[in-house]
Amino acid sequence: MKTLSRRRFATGFGSLVLGGSVAPAIEVPQRINPKIRGLSLAAYSLRSKLRWMKGKDTGAKMEMMDVLDFAAEEGFDGVELTAYFFDPEVTTSDLNDIKRRAHVLGLDITGGAIGNNFSFPANDPFTAEQLAYTKTWIDHYAALGAPVIRIFAGGKNPPGATIEQVIKNVVTNLNVILPYAAEKGVILGIENHDSMTEMDNLLELIGRIDSPWLGVTWDSANVAPTEDPYAELERIAPYAVNAQLKVMTKVNGEKVEADLPRLVQILREADYSGQLVLEYEEREDPFTGIPRFKEAVEAALKL
């Protein structure tokens, strides 16, 4: 097999000034014949219909198998499964049943998502809990055959911590968990979320990590207040190992309808390969809103 060298992002973010020194960013994945391969549905899109929410029974009717059925009925190519919505007593047998059902339905399990927080120091008991939680879900998603897990830096930060301290803590904790992810063959994709909606913060964070098992989960709506969210999203797109599309984005912090063709073009120009994950967050009932959102994205892909 021919050995491929991985190229670096050549627009000025291939290296970052960190603490007075220059450190290489994680390398941009090498793509061969890059293309968007289809549409995946995030289980999060159906959160109002799902029985389980972070271990609590909501009284709703849908469970993870029903998410698969709905995605297949609506013509999706894959699903992104979220840890929040699994039965808290999920077993290996349950995971195997989900994997089998997805295959029978012709759905790829394009990824998983968890709600971790890596922003606390390594010696904090909370961090130990978060690392254990992340390992558990790495195991679960590896068993499901998911290639990537959406992770967070963390929304709740240590009291009084500066962003520099938060980034340092996240880097330390990522360097603990990434070897385990590599062992299990699962990529971690850190989302532009919470403090990482400031793209400078996200780029600095990934600039301190030297592992091919870390990338970015590119979220089209999570951008700190700016006049041009699309320019900010362009900056992180080359690192995307997972891409989530939403109906809305934000301009100067205010929600506006997303320019879907432009978002698709940003990913294409960054050589993104993989499915686009539709994450529906609007107030309209997801049973009616998701099909219309899917049609709009399909139209954007044809342009």
Protein backbone atom coordinates (compact mmCIF):
# COMPACT_ATOMS: atom_id res chain seq x y z
CA MET A 1 0.00 0.00 0.00
CA LYS A 2 1.31 3.42 -0.89
CA THR A 3 2.24 5.52 2.12
CA LEU A 4 0.51 8.90 2.11
CA SER A 5 1.97 11.95 3.80
CA ARG A 6 -0.57 14.06 5.67
CA ARG A 7 -0.66 17.67 4.59
CA ARG A 8 -1.03 20.61 6.90
CA PHE A 9 -3.56 23.41 6.69
CA ALA A 10 -1.82 26.07 4.64
CA THR A 11 -3.78 29.19 5.55
CA GLY A 12 -1.85 30.29 8.57
CA PHE A 13 -3.17 27.92 11.21
CA GLY A 14 -0.74 25.08 10.61
CA SER A 15 1.21 26.41 13.58
CA LEU A 16 0.11 28.58 16.46
CA VAL A 17 1.96 30.76 18.90
CA LEU A 18 1.36 29.14 22.28
CA GLY A 19 2.92 30.55 25.37
CA GLY A 20 5.64 32.20 23.34
CA SER A 21 6.61 29.10 21.37
CA VAL A 22 5.40 27.71 18.07
CA ALA A 23 3.66 24.34 18.23
CA PRO A 24 2.31 22.32 15.31
CA ALA A 25 -1.44 21.88 15.01
CA ILE A 26 -2.89 18.42 14.60
CA GLU A 27 -2.45 17.41 11.01
CA VAL A 28 -5.23 17.83 8.50
CA PRO A 29 -6.52 14.39 7.48
CA GLN A 30 -5.37 13.33 4.01
CA ARG A 31 -8.40 12.74 1.80
CA ILE A 32 -8.54 10.66 -1.35
CA ASN A 33 -11.42 11.55 -3.65
CA PRO A 34 -13.15 13.61 -0.93
CA LYS A 35 -16.92 13.71 -1.07
CA ILE A 36 -20.03 14.03 1.06
CA ARG A 37 -21.39 10.50 1.19
CA GLY A 38 -24.92 11.07 2.48
CA LEU A 39 -27.06 12.32 5.33
CA SER A 40 -27.07 11.09 8.90
CA LEU A 41 -29.68 11.91 11.55
CA ALA A 42 -28.54 12.90 15.03
CA ALA A 43 -30.56 11.16 17.73
CA TYR A 44 -30.51 14.53 19.50
CA SER A 45 -32.97 15.74 16.85
CA LEU A 46 -35.64 13.53 18.44
CA ARG A 47 -34.84 14.41 22.06
CA SER A 48 -38.40 15.54 22.84
CA LYS A 49 -39.70 12.11 21.83
CA LEU A 50 -37.15 9.90 23.57
CA ARG A 51 -37.78 7.97 26.75
CA TRP A 52 -34.37 8.33 28.35
CA MET A 53 -32.57 11.59 29.12
CA LYS A 54 -29.28 11.25 30.97
CA GLY A 55 -30.50 8.25 32.95
CA LYS A 56 -33.97 9.58 33.74
CA ASP A 57 -37.21 8.17 32.35
CA THR A 58 -39.05 11.06 30.66
CA GLY A 59 -42.22 9.09 30.06
CA ALA A 60 -41.86 9.50 26.28
CA LYS A 61 -42.25 6.48 24.04
CA MET A 62 -39.29 6.35 21.65
CA GLU A 63 -36.08 4.42 22.35
CA MET A 64 -32.91 4.03 20.32
CA MET A 65 -34.32 1.30 18.08
CA ASP A 66 -37.14 3.68 17.16
CA VAL A 67 -34.60 6.33 16.15
CA LEU A 68 -33.13 3.84 13.69
CA ASP A 69 -36.55 3.01 12.28
CA PHE A 70 -37.48 6.68 11.89
CA ALA A 71 -34.18 7.47 10.15
CA ALA A 72 -34.67 4.59 7.73
CA GLU A 73 -38.28 5.55 7.02
CA GLU A 74 -37.19 9.12 6.18
CA GLY A 75 -34.46 7.92 3.82
CA PHE A 76 -31.38 8.82 5.86
CA ASP A 77 -28.11 7.03 5.16
CA GLY A 78 -26.93 6.92 8.74
CA VAL A 79 -27.48 7.86 12.38
CA GLU A 80 -25.46 9.58 15.06
CA LEU A 81 -26.33 8.09 18.44
CA THR A 82 -26.17 10.14 21.65
CA ALA A 83 -25.25 8.71 25.04
CA TYR A 84 -27.95 10.74 26.82
CA PHE A 85 -30.74 8.73 25.24
CA PHE A 86 -29.62 5.17 25.90
CA ASP A 87 -31.22 3.07 28.59
CA PRO A 88 -28.96 3.67 31.65
CA GLU A 89 -28.71 -0.09 32.06
CA VAL A 90 -27.58 -0.65 28.45
CA THR A 91 -25.88 -4.00 27.96
CA THR A 92 -23.56 -5.51 25.38
CA SER A 93 -26.54 -7.46 24.08
CA ASP A 94 -28.49 -4.20 23.64
CA LEU A 95 -25.61 -2.65 21.70
CA ASN A 96 -25.36 -5.73 19.49
CA ASP A 97 -29.10 -5.53 18.75
CA ILE A 98 -28.76 -1.86 17.76
CA LYS A 99 -25.78 -2.64 15.53
CA ARG A 100 -27.64 -5.47 13.84
CA ARG A 101 -30.79 -3.40 13.36
CA ALA A 102 -28.83 -0.53 11.80
CA HIS A 103 -27.19 -2.91 9.36
CA VAL A 104 -30.46 -4.57 8.41
CA LEU A 105 -31.98 -1.14 7.78
CA GLY A 106 -29.02 -0.11 5.63
CA LEU A 107 -27.93 2.61 8.06
CA ASP A 108 -24.35 3.50 8.93
CA ILE A 109 -23.69 4.38 12.54
CA THR A 110 -21.73 7.47 11.56
CA GLY A 111 -20.75 8.44 15.07
CA GLY A 112 -21.66 8.82 18.68
CA ALA A 113 -21.95 11.77 21.02
CA ILE A 114 -21.28 12.19 24.73
CA GLY A 115 -21.60 15.04 27.23
CA ASN A 116 -18.18 15.02 28.87
CA ASN A 117 -16.39 17.88 30.60
CA PHE A 118 -12.57 17.94 30.46
CA SER A 119 -12.12 21.50 31.74
CA PHE A 120 -11.17 20.63 35.32
CA PRO A 121 -7.63 19.81 36.52
CA ALA A 122 -6.31 16.27 36.28
CA ASN A 123 -6.27 15.83 40.08
CA ASP A 124 -9.91 16.85 40.53
CA PRO A 125 -12.24 13.93 41.45
CA PHE A 126 -14.71 15.24 38.87
CA THR A 127 -12.11 14.71 36.15
CA ALA A 128 -11.66 11.09 37.19
CA GLU A 129 -15.42 10.62 36.81
CA GLN A 130 -15.38 12.25 33.38
CA LEU A 131 -12.50 10.13 32.13
CA ALA A 132 -14.22 6.96 33.35
CA TYR A 133 -17.48 8.04 31.67
CA THR A 134 -15.64 8.74 28.42
CA LYS A 135 -13.87 5.38 28.50
CA THR A 136 -17.20 3.60 29.00
CA TRP A 137 -18.69 5.28 25.96
CA ILE A 138 -15.58 4.72 23.87
CA ASP A 139 -16.11 1.04 24.62
CA HIS A 140 -19.82 1.24 23.74
CA TYR A 141 -19.31 3.13 20.49
CA ALA A 142 -16.43 0.88 19.47
CA ALA A 143 -18.77 -2.08 19.95
CA LEU A 144 -21.33 -0.33 17.74
CA GLY A 145 -18.73 0.30 15.05
CA ALA A 146 -18.94 4.10 15.30
CA PRO A 147 -15.79 5.68 13.82
CA VAL A 148 -15.96 8.97 15.73
CA ILE A 149 -17.31 10.36 19.00
CA ARG A 150 -18.43 13.96 19.43
CA ILE A 151 -16.85 15.29 22.63
CA PHE A 152 -16.81 18.63 24.47
CA ALA A 153 -14.12 20.67 26.15
CA GLY A 154 -16.70 21.42 28.83
CA GLY A 155 -19.26 24.09 29.60
CA LYS A 156 -18.93 24.35 33.36
CA ASN A 157 -15.40 25.51 34.18
CA PRO A 158 -13.44 25.55 37.46
CA PRO A 159 -14.32 28.65 39.53
CA GLY A 160 -12.15 31.59 38.53
CA ALA A 161 -10.34 29.67 35.79
CA THR A 162 -9.03 31.64 32.82
CA ILE A 163 -9.48 30.32 29.30
CA GLU A 164 -5.74 29.56 29.28
CA GLN A 165 -6.16 27.37 32.38
CA VAL A 166 -9.20 25.65 30.85
CA ILE A 167 -7.32 24.88 27.63
CA LYS A 168 -4.39 23.53 29.63
CA ASN A 169 -6.72 21.24 31.61
CA VAL A 170 -8.51 20.00 28.49
CA VAL A 171 -5.19 19.26 26.77
CA THR A 172 -3.97 17.31 29.80
CA ASN A 173 -7.15 15.25 29.95
CA LEU A 174 -7.24 14.64 26.21
CA ASN A 175 -3.69 13.33 26.36
CA VAL A 176 -4.88 10.82 28.96
CA ILE A 177 -7.90 9.61 27.00
CA LEU A 178 -6.59 9.70 23.42
CA PRO A 179 -4.35 6.62 23.76
CA TYR A 180 -7.40 4.69 24.97
CA ALA A 181 -9.45 5.92 22.01
CA ALA A 182 -6.62 4.87 19.68
CA GLU A 183 -6.53 1.43 21.27
CA LYS A 184 -10.24 1.04 20.58
CA GLY A 185 -10.03 2.55 17.09
CA VAL A 186 -12.36 5.48 17.72
CA ILE A 187 -11.59 9.10 16.73
CA LEU A 188 -12.55 11.88 19.14
CA GLY A 189 -14.02 14.95 17.49
CA ILE A 190 -14.07 18.00 19.76
CA GLU A 191 -17.00 20.28 18.97
CA ASN A 192 -16.94 24.05 18.62
CA HIS A 193 -19.15 24.34 21.69
CA ASP A 194 -19.20 26.48 24.85
CA SER A 195 -15.78 28.16 25.22
CA MET A 196 -14.70 26.52 21.96
CA THR A 197 -17.19 28.60 19.94
CA GLU A 198 -14.32 31.10 19.91
CA MET A 199 -12.35 29.57 17.06
CA ASP A 200 -9.07 30.97 18.36
CA ASN A 201 -9.61 28.88 21.49
CA LEU A 202 -10.41 25.73 19.53
CA LEU A 203 -7.46 26.17 17.19
CA GLU A 204 -5.15 26.78 20.11
CA LEU A 205 -6.46 23.68 21.86
CA ILE A 206 -5.96 21.35 18.92
CA GLY A 207 -2.63 23.03 18.27
CA ARG A 208 -1.39 21.54 21.52
CA ILE A 209 -2.40 17.97 20.70
CA ASP A 210 -0.18 15.60 18.72
CA SER A 211 -2.47 12.70 17.90
CA PRO A 212 -4.17 11.52 14.69
CA TRP A 213 -7.05 10.33 16.89
CA LEU A 214 -8.30 13.87 17.57
CA GLY A 215 -10.20 16.04 15.12
CA VAL A 216 -13.03 18.55 15.11
CA THR A 217 -16.75 17.97 15.19
CA TRP A 218 -17.77 20.90 13.00
CA ASP A 219 -21.07 22.37 14.17
CA SER A 220 -22.60 24.89 11.77
CA ALA A 221 -24.42 26.91 14.46
CA ASN A 222 -21.97 27.09 17.35
CA VAL A 223 -20.08 30.30 16.70
CA ALA A 224 -19.28 33.11 19.12
CA PRO A 225 -20.90 36.47 18.20
CA THR A 226 -19.50 37.63 14.87
CA GLU A 227 -20.72 39.36 11.73
CA ASP A 228 -19.52 36.47 9.56
CA PRO A 229 -20.01 33.04 11.12
CA TYR A 230 -19.17 31.38 7.81
CA ALA A 231 -15.64 32.81 7.82
CA GLU A 232 -15.14 31.41 11.32
CA LEU A 233 -16.46 28.01 10.30
CA GLU A 234 -14.05 27.97 7.35
CA ARG A 235 -11.13 28.18 9.79
CA ILE A 236 -11.88 24.85 11.46
CA ALA A 237 -13.42 22.95 8.54
CA PRO A 238 -10.15 21.33 7.37
CA TYR A 239 -9.89 19.53 10.72
CA ALA A 240 -13.45 18.16 10.60
CA VAL A 241 -13.84 14.43 11.19
CA ASN A 242 -17.57 14.89 11.71
CA ALA A 243 -19.94 17.63 10.52
CA GLN A 244 -23.28 18.65 12.01
CA LEU A 245 -25.72 20.90 10.14
CA LYS A 246 -28.50 22.91 11.80
CA VAL A 247 -31.41 24.91 10.43
CA MET A 248 -30.16 28.12 12.03
CA THR A 249 -26.81 29.78 12.58
CA LYS A 250 -25.91 32.97 14.45
CA VAL A 251 -24.92 36.42 13.22
CA ASN A 252 -23.72 38.74 15.99
CA GLY A 253 -25.14 36.22 18.44
CA GLU A 254 -28.66 36.32 16.96
CA LYS A 255 -30.26 33.31 15.29
CA VAL A 256 -30.77 33.55 11.53
CA GLU A 257 -31.68 30.96 8.93
CA ALA A 258 -28.55 29.19 7.80
CA ASP A 259 -27.26 29.49 4.25
CA LEU A 260 -27.16 25.75 3.63
CA PRO A 261 -25.50 25.87 0.19
CA ARG A 262 -22.72 28.01 1.66
CA LEU A 263 -22.21 25.61 4.55
CA VAL A 264 -22.02 22.67 2.15
CA GLN A 265 -19.52 24.58 0.01
CA ILE A 266 -17.31 25.31 3.03
CA LEU A 267 -17.09 21.60 3.76
CA ARG A 268 -16.46 20.69 0.15
CA GLU A 269 -13.66 23.23 -0.16
CA ALA A 270 -12.12 21.78 3.02
CA ASP A 271 -12.21 18.29 1.43
CA TYR A 272 -14.61 16.95 4.05
CA SER A 273 -15.39 13.28 3.51
CA GLY A 274 -18.25 11.52 5.24
CA GLN A 275 -21.90 11.99 5.94
CA LEU A 276 -23.50 15.26 7.03
CA VAL A 277 -25.23 14.90 10.38
CA LEU A 278 -28.53 16.74 10.58
CA GLU A 279 -29.12 18.00 14.11
CA TYR A 280 -32.60 19.46 14.36
CA GLU A 281 -33.14 21.92 17.22
CA GLU A 282 -36.19 23.92 16.19
CA ARG A 283 -39.49 24.23 18.08
CA GLU A 284 -41.53 22.57 15.35
CA ASP A 285 -42.38 18.93 15.98
CA PRO A 286 -39.37 16.94 14.75
CA PHE A 287 -41.62 14.47 12.96
CA THR A 288 -42.62 17.24 10.55
CA GLY A 289 -39.57 19.51 10.82
CA ILE A 290 -36.88 16.92 10.15
CA PRO A 291 -38.24 15.80 6.74
CA ARG A 292 -38.41 19.43 5.55
CA PHE A 293 -34.91 20.13 6.84
CA LYS A 294 -33.64 17.04 5.05
CA GLU A 295 -35.21 18.20 1.78
CA ALA A 296 -33.51 21.59 2.13
CA VAL A 297 -30.11 20.00 2.70
CA GLU A 298 -30.60 17.65 -0.25
CA ALA A 299 -31.37 20.67 -2.43
CA ALA A 300 -28.20 22.38 -1.22
CA LEU A 301 -26.14 19.32 -2.07
CA LYS A 302 -27.37 19.43 -5.69
CA LEU A 303 -26.06 22.97 -6.25
